[in-house]
């Protein structure tokens, strides 16, 4: 059975390559019509697929229907229409009239039971395609699946001649984990609002639902805090290598949140402390134990900075920052960092975390911290983000497992699996290699449910793919390191464990290549993946 699937998948990759070919001139012999993409060939892999029946073909009379006229559903429908109009040349009017023809986006109904808040059901037949969901997030995720079922040329911004067909059958789909995140480090190098939005669009295609923004570090402070204005104006004035840096105004930050929310991503802001704080220490001398501000820092070393744990000013500062950040952030979580605090003694680290975690709760938020938080006293409801290696028996790993047994939830981001800034191999021109080389198969081929031996499977809240930016300064750099590894982490977070199979996945992944070409994504054509010819 697997051989048949693999053979069919290889034929699909070849078809994907044909789908991006130029339109033949009039009178030229017509090539065979490519087969519609099978329903089980999308990324992330759906939870349940039943194929069969006639395909649906979009045409110039296709409508996008939103029965009941839900505002969010109409917005999703309008977004889908805007996406497909340039390539298809069809009007694709959005209507609230009910009907079974065309593309139907339906909220509620008996077919949505058991799908949860993010699941969806997609049914395709000769008359049309219906996507049903209990909540708008599910409709949105269903639309991302529909995009992948259409030819890759649907993503282009100019008209193409193609059979816009969707294979017949039914998908019933919902996520394995509630937390499916990606982190973008905007501190080592600053990225504009527009660059962050571009990355958000790419994350949303693969059903990522959390954007973790690393907003402060030694090299730059990136968010305006009214009560401490020099954090952004001075602390944000540089970056790795000494470039101009930058920071987000409160309106900038709210725009990122709004844009992400429209794509059903929640922003998780991080203020890293007590270490990784040189930008703050340089901005305000009283935050230093000796009362003297260090110079701004543009290098890449870690572990040399620390807030002054005994000082009252430190907690006035933290309280103000968390208060203003919480007021701007609709999401439930604030990330307080806590990693690589090598210049903070263990006792001071524990004291600091014991004082800061209640401040997060004071402003109605819950704590996320890097896994070193488990070496202190994680607050009730706190989440620890594990970024260690595969190695077993280390003290920190045991510490994390023990905390999980006591009720601390976990986000898994193992550096030698999920860190997107690690080089693919020795020839990768960008990235670092302190966690080793992380190829596409290595990034994909692990199971979050059993990764930390001894941690209860139920303690795993989800997965996250961090992208640190010591060597990255453009959107092209982000894309080269994120793709093709990011979709694999997304699949680990969304798809059932039983669907996990590298030989199957690498072929489904290869079929994404023409889509990324159409979208202008500058991805790494890993030799591990059987990409179709361009």
Protein backbone atom coordinates (compact mmCIF):
# COMPACT_ATOMS: atom_id res chain seq x y z
CA UNK A 1 0.00 0.00 0.00
CA UNK A 2 2.85 2.38 0.87
CA UNK A 3 4.50 1.65 -2.50
CA UNK A 4 1.28 2.62 -4.27
CA UNK A 5 1.06 5.85 -2.26
CA UNK A 6 4.70 6.69 -2.94
CA UNK A 7 4.32 6.03 -6.68
CA UNK A 8 1.22 8.21 -6.80
CA UNK A 9 3.00 10.92 -4.83
CA UNK A 10 5.92 10.92 -7.27
CA UNK A 11 3.47 11.32 -10.14
CA UNK A 12 1.98 14.23 -8.21
CA UNK A 13 5.35 15.97 -7.96
CA UNK A 14 5.78 15.62 -11.70
CA UNK A 15 2.30 17.05 -12.21
CA UNK A 16 3.16 19.98 -9.93
CA UNK A 17 6.10 20.76 -12.16
CA UNK A 18 3.83 20.71 -15.21
CA UNK A 19 1.45 23.04 -13.42
CA UNK A 20 4.00 25.83 -13.48
CA UNK A 21 4.89 25.50 -17.15
CA UNK A 22 4.29 28.38 -19.52
CA UNK A 23 1.01 28.53 -21.45
CA UNK A 24 1.53 27.03 -24.94
CA UNK A 25 0.97 29.33 -27.93
CA UNK A 26 -2.25 29.03 -29.97
CA UNK A 27 -2.23 25.99 -32.23
CA UNK A 28 0.35 24.10 -30.15
CA UNK A 29 -0.42 20.54 -29.11
CA UNK A 30 -2.15 20.39 -25.73
CA UNK A 31 -0.39 18.54 -22.93
CA UNK A 32 -2.34 16.04 -20.90
CA UNK A 33 -4.39 17.69 -18.16
CA UNK A 34 -2.60 17.24 -14.81
CA UNK A 35 -4.51 15.20 -12.26
CA UNK A 36 -6.13 17.09 -9.41
CA UNK A 37 -4.08 17.05 -6.23
CA UNK A 38 -5.23 14.12 -4.06
CA UNK A 39 -6.81 15.19 -0.80
CA UNK A 40 -4.15 13.43 1.28
CA UNK A 41 -1.23 15.23 -0.36
CA UNK A 42 -1.37 18.49 1.59
CA UNK A 43 0.87 19.82 4.39
CA UNK A 44 0.17 19.41 7.28
CA UNK A 45 -1.29 15.94 6.71
CA UNK A 46 -5.04 15.92 7.44
CA UNK A 47 -6.43 13.84 10.31
CA UNK A 48 -8.90 11.96 8.10
CA UNK A 49 -9.32 11.67 4.32
CA UNK A 50 -11.92 9.84 2.25
CA UNK A 51 -11.27 10.24 -1.46
CA UNK A 52 -13.71 9.55 -4.25
CA UNK A 53 -16.31 11.05 -6.51
CA UNK A 54 -16.08 13.72 -9.17
CA UNK A 55 -13.73 16.65 -8.94
CA UNK A 56 -15.02 20.21 -8.80
CA UNK A 57 -13.78 22.68 -11.42
CA UNK A 58 -13.82 26.40 -10.71
CA UNK A 59 -15.17 28.46 -13.60
CA UNK A 60 -16.32 31.93 -14.54
CA UNK A 61 -19.70 31.27 -12.85
CA UNK A 62 -18.26 30.12 -9.53
CA UNK A 63 -19.51 31.96 -6.48
CA UNK A 64 -18.15 31.95 -2.95
CA UNK A 65 -21.11 31.48 -0.62
CA UNK A 66 -21.28 32.43 3.06
CA UNK A 67 -24.70 31.23 4.27
CA UNK A 68 -25.91 33.22 7.26
CA UNK A 69 -23.67 36.20 6.59
CA UNK A 70 -21.18 35.85 9.47
CA UNK A 71 -18.84 38.84 9.41
CA UNK A 72 -15.70 36.80 9.99
CA UNK A 73 -16.75 34.18 7.45
CA UNK A 74 -17.40 36.91 4.89
CA UNK A 75 -13.95 38.34 5.56
CA UNK A 76 -12.35 34.92 5.02
CA UNK A 77 -14.38 34.50 1.83
CA UNK A 78 -13.34 37.91 0.55
CA UNK A 79 -9.71 37.07 1.27
CA UNK A 80 -10.04 33.80 -0.68
CA UNK A 81 -11.66 35.60 -3.60
CA UNK A 82 -8.89 38.21 -3.59
CA UNK A 83 -6.29 35.48 -3.63
CA UNK A 84 -7.78 33.54 -6.55
CA UNK A 85 -9.02 36.33 -8.84
CA UNK A 86 -5.65 37.44 -10.28
CA UNK A 87 -4.58 33.96 -11.42
CA UNK A 88 -7.95 32.56 -12.52
CA UNK A 89 -9.38 35.72 -14.05
CA UNK A 90 -12.79 34.81 -12.55
CA UNK A 91 -15.00 37.33 -10.75
CA UNK A 92 -15.71 34.94 -7.84
CA UNK A 93 -18.43 37.11 -6.24
CA UNK A 94 -19.01 36.62 -2.50
CA UNK A 95 -22.66 36.14 -1.56
CA UNK A 96 -24.62 35.31 1.59
CA UNK A 97 -27.15 33.29 -0.45
CA UNK A 98 -27.24 29.62 0.51
CA UNK A 99 -26.61 26.93 -2.08
CA UNK A 100 -24.60 23.80 -2.78
CA UNK A 101 -22.75 25.00 -5.85
CA UNK A 102 -19.50 26.94 -5.94
CA UNK A 103 -17.33 27.32 -2.85
CA UNK A 104 -19.36 27.32 0.36
CA UNK A 105 -17.94 28.49 3.70
CA UNK A 106 -20.34 27.38 6.42
CA UNK A 107 -20.13 28.07 10.15
CA UNK A 108 -21.81 25.53 12.46
CA UNK A 109 -24.00 22.58 11.67
CA UNK A 110 -24.01 18.93 12.70
CA UNK A 111 -21.01 18.13 10.49
CA UNK A 112 -18.74 20.23 12.70
CA UNK A 113 -19.21 18.31 15.94
CA UNK A 114 -15.95 17.07 17.39
CA UNK A 115 -13.79 19.35 15.25
CA UNK A 116 -13.02 21.82 18.04
CA UNK A 117 -12.29 25.50 17.57
CA UNK A 118 -9.69 25.07 14.81
CA UNK A 119 -10.93 22.00 12.92
CA UNK A 120 -12.83 21.92 9.65
CA UNK A 121 -14.55 19.57 7.24
CA UNK A 122 -13.95 19.95 3.49
CA UNK A 123 -16.25 18.16 1.06
CA UNK A 124 -15.68 18.31 -2.69
CA UNK A 125 -17.86 17.04 -5.50
CA UNK A 126 -18.95 17.87 -9.02
CA UNK A 127 -21.13 20.82 -7.97
CA UNK A 128 -18.82 22.51 -5.52
CA UNK A 129 -16.60 22.56 -2.45
CA UNK A 130 -17.99 23.07 1.06
CA UNK A 131 -15.82 23.96 4.04
CA UNK A 132 -17.62 23.70 7.39
CA UNK A 133 -16.28 24.62 10.81
CA UNK A 134 -17.56 25.37 14.29
CA UNK A 135 -15.45 28.54 14.54
CA UNK A 136 -13.97 31.01 12.04
CA UNK A 137 -10.43 29.77 12.73
CA UNK A 138 -11.48 26.38 11.38
CA UNK A 139 -12.86 27.97 8.21
CA UNK A 140 -9.59 29.80 7.74
CA UNK A 141 -7.55 26.62 8.15
CA UNK A 142 -9.85 24.85 5.71
CA UNK A 143 -9.22 27.59 3.16
CA UNK A 144 -5.46 27.02 3.51
CA UNK A 145 -6.06 23.36 2.64
CA UNK A 146 -8.19 24.37 -0.34
CA UNK A 147 -5.33 26.54 -1.60
CA UNK A 148 -3.03 23.52 -1.65
CA UNK A 149 -5.62 21.41 -3.48
CA UNK A 150 -5.65 23.92 -6.34
CA UNK A 151 -2.73 24.14 -8.79
CA UNK A 152 0.27 26.11 -7.53
CA UNK A 153 -0.38 28.73 -10.21
CA UNK A 154 -3.40 29.85 -8.20
CA UNK A 155 -0.91 31.78 -6.03
CA UNK A 156 0.33 33.93 -8.92
CA UNK A 157 -0.66 37.54 -9.41
CA UNK A 158 -1.35 37.31 -13.14
CA UNK A 159 -3.85 35.30 -15.17
CA UNK A 160 -2.93 31.74 -16.06
CA UNK A 161 -4.67 29.17 -18.21
CA UNK A 162 -5.22 26.12 -16.01
CA UNK A 163 -7.89 23.61 -15.04
CA UNK A 164 -8.74 24.89 -11.54
CA UNK A 165 -9.83 21.51 -10.22
CA UNK A 166 -10.34 20.19 -6.67
CA UNK A 167 -10.35 16.40 -6.24
CA UNK A 168 -13.53 14.77 -4.98
CA UNK A 169 -13.89 13.46 -1.44
CA UNK A 170 -13.96 14.57 2.19
CA UNK A 171 -11.39 15.79 4.70
CA UNK A 172 -12.20 15.94 8.42
CA UNK A 173 -9.33 17.71 10.15
CA UNK A 174 -8.36 19.14 13.53
CA UNK A 175 -5.02 19.78 15.26
CA UNK A 176 -3.06 17.44 17.51
CA UNK A 177 -1.72 20.29 19.67
CA UNK A 178 -3.23 23.61 20.73
CA UNK A 179 0.09 25.45 20.50
CA UNK A 180 1.78 25.51 17.09
CA UNK A 181 4.25 28.33 17.10
CA UNK A 182 7.06 30.07 15.28
CA UNK A 183 9.43 32.56 16.89
CA UNK A 184 11.02 35.50 15.10
CA UNK A 185 13.99 37.22 16.72
CA UNK A 186 13.67 40.90 15.87
CA UNK A 187 16.32 41.92 18.41
CA UNK A 188 19.61 40.69 16.92
CA UNK A 189 18.46 42.20 13.62
CA UNK A 190 15.40 44.41 13.36
CA UNK A 191 12.63 43.50 10.91
CA UNK A 192 10.02 46.02 9.80
CA UNK A 193 6.28 45.65 10.24
CA UNK A 194 6.02 44.74 6.56
CA UNK A 195 8.63 42.00 6.89
CA UNK A 196 6.87 40.55 9.93
CA UNK A 197 3.57 40.58 8.03
CA UNK A 198 5.14 38.67 5.16
CA UNK A 199 6.31 35.99 7.57
CA UNK A 200 2.87 35.86 9.20
CA UNK A 201 1.30 35.11 5.80
CA UNK A 202 3.75 32.27 5.30
CA UNK A 203 3.10 30.84 8.77
CA UNK A 204 -0.66 30.96 8.29
CA UNK A 205 -0.47 28.78 5.17
CA UNK A 206 0.68 25.89 7.36
CA UNK A 207 -1.80 26.42 10.21
CA UNK A 208 0.70 27.92 12.67
CA UNK A 209 -1.34 29.71 15.34
CA UNK A 210 1.26 31.45 17.54
CA UNK A 211 3.81 34.12 16.61
CA UNK A 212 6.43 34.46 19.36
CA UNK A 213 8.22 37.81 18.98
CA UNK A 214 11.60 38.05 20.72
CA UNK A 215 11.43 41.79 21.43
CA UNK A 216 14.50 42.41 23.59
CA UNK A 217 18.06 41.20 23.85
CA UNK A 218 21.60 42.47 24.34
CA UNK A 219 21.71 43.94 20.82
CA UNK A 220 18.42 45.79 20.73
CA UNK A 221 15.15 46.71 22.48
CA UNK A 222 12.32 46.71 19.95
CA UNK A 223 9.09 47.82 21.63
CA UNK A 224 8.15 51.33 22.81
CA UNK A 225 7.52 51.58 26.56
CA UNK A 226 6.13 55.01 27.47
CA UNK A 227 7.36 54.95 31.06
CA UNK A 228 10.91 54.08 29.98
CA UNK A 229 11.27 55.81 26.57
CA UNK A 230 15.05 55.36 26.17
CA UNK A 231 14.56 51.61 25.88
CA UNK A 232 13.39 52.02 22.31
CA UNK A 233 15.00 55.33 21.33
CA UNK A 234 18.49 54.41 22.57
CA UNK A 235 18.38 50.68 23.31
CA UNK A 236 16.76 50.05 19.92
CA UNK A 237 19.24 52.16 17.95
CA UNK A 238 21.56 49.35 16.87
CA UNK A 239 21.77 45.65 16.01
CA UNK A 240 24.33 42.92 15.32
CA UNK A 241 27.14 44.39 13.24
CA UNK A 242 26.25 47.94 14.22
CA UNK A 243 23.40 48.62 11.80
CA UNK A 244 20.66 51.19 12.44
CA UNK A 245 18.39 48.84 14.40
CA UNK A 246 14.87 50.09 14.94
CA UNK A 247 11.85 49.60 17.16
CA UNK A 248 8.07 49.28 17.00
CA UNK A 249 5.83 52.07 18.17
CA UNK A 250 2.78 50.96 20.09
CA UNK A 251 0.72 51.48 16.94
CA UNK A 252 3.20 49.32 14.99
CA UNK A 253 2.87 46.55 17.55
CA UNK A 254 -0.93 46.77 17.50
CA UNK A 255 -0.87 46.53 13.70
CA UNK A 256 1.22 43.35 13.87
CA UNK A 257 -1.28 41.93 16.38
CA UNK A 258 -4.23 42.92 14.19
CA UNK A 259 -2.69 41.44 11.06
CA UNK A 260 -1.81 38.21 12.85
CA UNK A 261 -5.28 37.92 14.42
CA UNK A 262 -6.90 38.25 10.99
CA UNK A 263 -4.96 35.09 10.08
CA UNK A 264 -5.77 33.41 13.41
CA UNK A 265 -2.33 33.75 14.93
CA UNK A 266 -1.89 34.99 18.49
CA UNK A 267 1.16 37.12 19.23
CA UNK A 268 3.27 36.01 22.21
CA UNK A 269 5.68 38.85 23.11
CA UNK A 270 8.94 38.09 24.87
CA UNK A 271 10.99 40.35 27.12
CA UNK A 272 14.06 38.26 27.93
CA UNK A 273 15.33 38.63 31.52
CA UNK A 274 17.27 38.70 33.80
CA UNK A 275 19.99 37.96 31.20
CA UNK A 276 20.07 39.10 27.57
CA UNK A 277 19.41 42.63 28.88
CA UNK A 278 22.35 44.76 27.76
CA UNK A 279 20.16 47.03 25.60
CA UNK A 280 18.09 47.88 28.69
CA UNK A 281 21.15 48.22 30.95
CA UNK A 282 22.76 50.58 28.42
CA UNK A 283 19.60 52.68 28.29
CA UNK A 284 19.19 53.19 32.06
CA UNK A 285 22.17 53.26 34.42
CA UNK A 286 20.08 52.62 37.61
CA UNK A 287 19.27 49.11 36.33
CA UNK A 288 22.94 48.20 36.86
CA UNK A 289 24.24 47.14 40.26
CA UNK A 290 27.13 49.63 39.98
CA UNK A 291 24.90 52.42 38.67
CA UNK A 292 26.94 52.70 35.47
CA UNK A 293 25.46 52.05 32.02
CA UNK A 294 27.52 49.77 29.74
CA UNK A 295 27.94 50.65 26.06
CA UNK A 296 25.52 49.37 23.45
CA UNK A 297 26.45 45.93 22.17
CA UNK A 298 26.61 44.74 18.55
CA UNK A 299 28.30 41.35 18.89
CA UNK A 300 26.83 37.87 19.23
CA UNK A 301 28.17 36.54 22.54
CA UNK A 302 25.64 35.53 25.20
CA UNK A 303 25.44 35.27 28.98
CA UNK A 304 27.34 38.40 30.02
CA UNK A 305 24.48 40.69 31.07
CA UNK A 306 22.09 40.67 34.02
CA UNK A 307 19.55 42.91 35.64
CA UNK A 308 20.48 43.81 39.23
CA UNK A 309 18.37 41.38 41.24
CA UNK A 310 18.65 43.07 44.68
CA UNK A 311 17.64 46.55 43.45
CA UNK A 312 14.10 47.90 43.88
CA UNK A 313 14.48 49.81 40.59
CA UNK A 314 14.70 46.47 38.77
CA UNK A 315 11.19 45.47 39.79
CA UNK A 316 9.77 48.96 39.13
CA UNK A 317 11.18 48.57 35.63
CA UNK A 318 9.84 45.04 35.14
CA UNK A 319 6.42 46.00 36.50
CA UNK A 320 6.13 48.96 34.14
CA UNK A 321 7.26 46.98 31.10
CA UNK A 322 4.89 44.08 31.80
CA UNK A 323 1.99 46.44 32.54
CA UNK A 324 2.35 48.30 29.25
CA UNK A 325 3.00 45.17 27.24
CA UNK A 326 0.02 43.35 28.78
CA UNK A 327 -2.25 46.30 27.99
CA UNK A 328 -1.29 46.08 24.30
CA UNK A 329 -1.42 42.30 24.02
CA UNK A 330 -4.78 40.50 23.70
CA UNK A 331 -3.23 37.03 24.01
CA UNK A 332 -3.11 35.26 27.35
CA UNK A 333 0.66 34.72 27.57
CA UNK A 334 3.73 36.87 28.16
CA UNK A 335 7.14 35.26 27.63
CA UNK A 336 9.70 36.32 30.24
CA UNK A 337 12.73 34.57 28.75
CA UNK A 338 15.04 33.29 31.47
CA UNK A 339 17.66 31.51 29.35
CA UNK A 340 21.45 31.81 29.46
CA UNK A 341 21.49 33.95 32.62
CA UNK A 342 25.12 33.00 33.19
CA UNK A 343 25.93 36.27 34.98
CA UNK A 344 23.13 35.78 37.50
CA UNK A 345 23.77 33.51 40.45
CA UNK A 346 21.39 30.60 40.95
CA UNK A 347 19.98 32.12 44.15
CA UNK A 348 19.46 35.49 42.45
CA UNK A 349 17.84 33.77 39.47
CA UNK A 350 15.34 31.98 41.72
CA UNK A 351 14.66 35.21 43.63
CA UNK A 352 14.11 37.13 40.40
CA UNK A 353 11.70 34.57 38.90
CA UNK A 354 9.79 34.31 42.19
CA UNK A 355 9.23 38.08 42.09
CA UNK A 356 8.53 38.48 38.36
CA UNK A 357 6.03 35.66 37.79
CA UNK A 358 3.43 37.23 40.15
CA UNK A 359 3.76 40.50 38.19
CA UNK A 360 2.69 38.68 35.03
CA UNK A 361 -0.36 37.33 36.88
CA UNK A 362 -1.04 40.80 38.29
CA UNK A 363 -1.78 41.99 34.76
CA UNK A 364 -4.02 39.05 33.89
CA UNK A 365 -1.50 37.07 31.88
CA UNK A 366 0.16 33.66 32.15
CA UNK A 367 3.89 32.96 32.14
CA UNK A 368 5.93 31.31 29.41
CA UNK A 369 9.67 31.01 30.00
CA UNK A 370 12.58 29.15 28.49
CA UNK A 371 13.10 25.78 30.17
CA UNK A 372 15.63 27.18 32.67
CA UNK A 373 12.53 28.46 34.48
CA UNK A 374 12.10 24.90 35.79
CA UNK A 375 15.27 25.43 37.84
CA UNK A 376 13.38 28.02 39.88
CA UNK A 377 9.74 27.67 41.00
CA UNK A 378 7.42 27.73 37.97
CA UNK A 379 4.14 29.43 38.92
CA UNK A 380 0.87 27.57 38.66
CA UNK A 381 -0.11 27.57 34.98
CA UNK A 382 3.39 28.50 33.79
CA UNK A 383 4.69 26.95 30.56
CA UNK A 384 8.35 26.00 30.02
CA UNK A 385 9.79 26.10 26.50
CA UNK A 386 12.40 23.36 26.06
CA UNK A 387 15.26 24.24 23.71
CA UNK A 388 17.78 21.60 24.74
CA UNK A 389 19.20 18.78 22.66
CA UNK A 390 18.35 15.12 22.10
CA UNK A 391 20.93 14.11 24.71
CA UNK A 392 19.51 12.09 27.57
CA UNK A 393 20.53 12.17 31.22
CA UNK A 394 21.48 15.85 31.41
CA UNK A 395 20.56 17.65 34.62
CA UNK A 396 18.47 20.27 32.85
CA UNK A 397 16.50 17.69 30.90
CA UNK A 398 15.75 15.79 34.12
CA UNK A 399 14.73 19.07 35.72
CA UNK A 400 12.27 19.77 32.91
CA UNK A 401 10.78 16.27 33.10
CA UNK A 402 10.34 16.57 36.87
CA UNK A 403 8.58 19.91 36.45
CA UNK A 404 6.29 18.39 33.81
CA UNK A 405 5.39 15.61 36.24
CA UNK A 406 4.43 18.29 38.76
CA UNK A 407 2.10 19.98 36.29
CA UNK A 408 4.22 22.46 34.30
CA UNK A 409 3.16 22.40 30.64
CA UNK A 410 5.79 22.24 27.91
CA UNK A 411 6.44 23.75 24.48
CA UNK A 412 9.06 21.74 22.60
CA UNK A 413 11.70 23.55 20.53
CA UNK A 414 14.75 21.26 20.63
CA UNK A 415 17.62 23.25 19.17
CA UNK A 416 19.01 20.34 17.15
CA UNK A 417 15.57 19.70 15.60
CA UNK A 418 13.44 22.85 15.59
CA UNK A 419 15.84 25.82 15.51
CA UNK A 420 15.46 27.21 12.01
CA UNK A 421 18.63 29.28 12.26
CA UNK A 422 20.85 26.18 12.42
CA UNK A 423 22.70 25.52 9.16
CA UNK A 424 21.33 22.75 6.96
CA UNK A 425 24.87 21.51 6.31
CA UNK A 426 28.45 22.77 6.30
CA UNK A 427 27.89 24.69 3.05
CA UNK A 428 24.88 26.73 4.22
CA UNK A 429 25.84 30.40 3.79
CA UNK A 430 23.60 31.64 6.64
CA UNK A 431 22.91 30.52 10.18
CA UNK A 432 24.90 29.00 13.02
CA UNK A 433 25.92 25.45 13.92
CA UNK A 434 26.38 25.33 17.70
CA UNK A 435 23.55 22.75 17.91
CA UNK A 436 24.88 20.87 14.88
CA UNK A 437 23.60 20.77 11.32
CA UNK A 438 19.83 20.39 11.04
CA UNK A 439 18.71 18.95 7.73
CA UNK A 440 15.10 18.75 6.60
CA UNK A 441 14.66 15.11 7.63
CA UNK A 442 16.22 15.66 11.04
CA UNK A 443 13.97 18.66 11.64
CA UNK A 444 10.88 16.61 10.81
CA UNK A 445 11.70 13.14 12.10
CA UNK A 446 10.83 13.26 15.82
CA UNK A 447 7.67 12.86 17.87
CA UNK A 448 6.75 15.61 20.36
CA UNK A 449 4.62 13.18 22.35
CA UNK A 450 7.54 10.94 23.27
CA UNK A 451 10.51 13.28 22.82
CA UNK A 452 11.20 13.94 26.52
CA UNK A 453 11.47 10.51 28.08
CA UNK A 454 9.54 10.47 31.35
CA UNK A 455 7.46 13.60 30.70
CA UNK A 456 3.72 12.85 30.60
CA UNK A 457 2.45 13.03 27.01
CA UNK A 458 -0.34 15.29 28.24
CA UNK A 459 2.20 17.84 29.50
CA UNK A 460 3.13 18.78 25.92
CA UNK A 461 1.19 21.88 24.94
CA UNK A 462 2.74 21.96 21.49
CA UNK A 463 5.78 22.82 19.39
CA UNK A 464 7.54 25.95 18.21
CA UNK A 465 10.15 26.68 15.52
CA UNK A 466 12.44 29.52 16.69
CA UNK A 467 14.35 31.61 14.16
CA UNK A 468 17.20 33.58 15.71
CA UNK A 469 18.64 36.37 13.61
CA UNK A 470 22.35 36.78 14.39
CA UNK A 471 23.12 36.15 10.69
CA UNK A 472 19.76 37.10 9.16
CA UNK A 473 18.80 40.60 8.08
CA UNK A 474 16.35 40.31 5.14
CA UNK A 475 13.09 38.55 4.32
CA UNK A 476 15.01 36.42 1.84
CA UNK A 477 17.25 35.25 4.68
CA UNK A 478 14.23 34.37 6.82
CA UNK A 479 12.67 32.36 4.01
CA UNK A 480 15.86 30.51 3.11
CA UNK A 481 16.26 29.25 6.66
CA UNK A 482 12.57 28.62 7.38
CA UNK A 483 11.68 26.83 4.16
CA UNK A 484 11.55 23.90 3.76
CA UNK A 485 11.90 23.11 7.50
CA UNK A 486 9.03 25.19 8.91
CA UNK A 487 6.22 23.12 7.31
CA UNK A 488 7.63 20.00 8.98
CA UNK A 489 7.40 21.56 12.46
CA UNK A 490 3.90 22.75 11.55
CA UNK A 491 2.96 19.17 10.64
CA UNK A 492 4.34 17.85 13.94
CA UNK A 493 2.06 20.29 15.71
CA UNK A 494 -1.07 19.70 13.62
CA UNK A 495 -1.15 16.14 12.27
CA UNK A 496 -1.86 12.88 14.13
CA UNK A 497 1.24 10.91 15.09
CA UNK A 498 0.09 7.99 12.91
CA UNK A 499 0.53 10.11 9.76
CA UNK A 500 4.22 10.71 10.51
CA UNK A 501 6.34 9.14 7.76
CA UNK A 502 9.40 10.80 6.21
CA UNK A 503 9.20 8.94 2.90
CA UNK A 504 5.63 10.10 2.40
CA UNK A 505 6.20 13.58 3.81
CA UNK A 506 9.22 14.46 1.67
CA UNK A 507 7.15 13.92 -1.49
CA UNK A 508 4.26 16.02 -0.20
CA UNK A 509 6.83 18.66 0.78
CA UNK A 510 8.41 18.57 -2.68
CA UNK A 511 5.03 19.41 -4.21
CA UNK A 512 5.07 22.67 -2.21
CA UNK A 513 8.08 23.88 -4.20
CA UNK A 514 6.13 25.20 -7.21
CA UNK A 515 3.77 26.98 -4.81
CA UNK A 516 6.70 28.72 -3.11
CA UNK A 517 8.06 29.62 -6.54
CA UNK A 518 4.71 31.18 -7.39
CA UNK A 519 4.72 33.14 -4.12
CA UNK A 520 8.30 34.32 -4.53
CA UNK A 521 9.54 32.50 -1.42
CA UNK A 522 13.32 32.12 -1.51
CA UNK A 523 13.63 28.58 -0.15
CA UNK A 524 16.55 26.16 0.13
CA UNK A 525 16.27 23.32 -2.39
CA UNK A 526 17.51 20.64 -0.04
CA UNK A 527 18.95 17.54 -1.75
CA UNK A 528 16.96 15.47 0.75
CA UNK A 529 13.72 16.44 -1.01
CA UNK A 530 12.73 15.25 -4.53
CA UNK A 531 11.79 18.66 -5.91
CA UNK A 532 10.09 18.80 -9.32
CA UNK A 533 12.15 20.29 -12.13
CA UNK A 534 11.70 24.01 -12.61
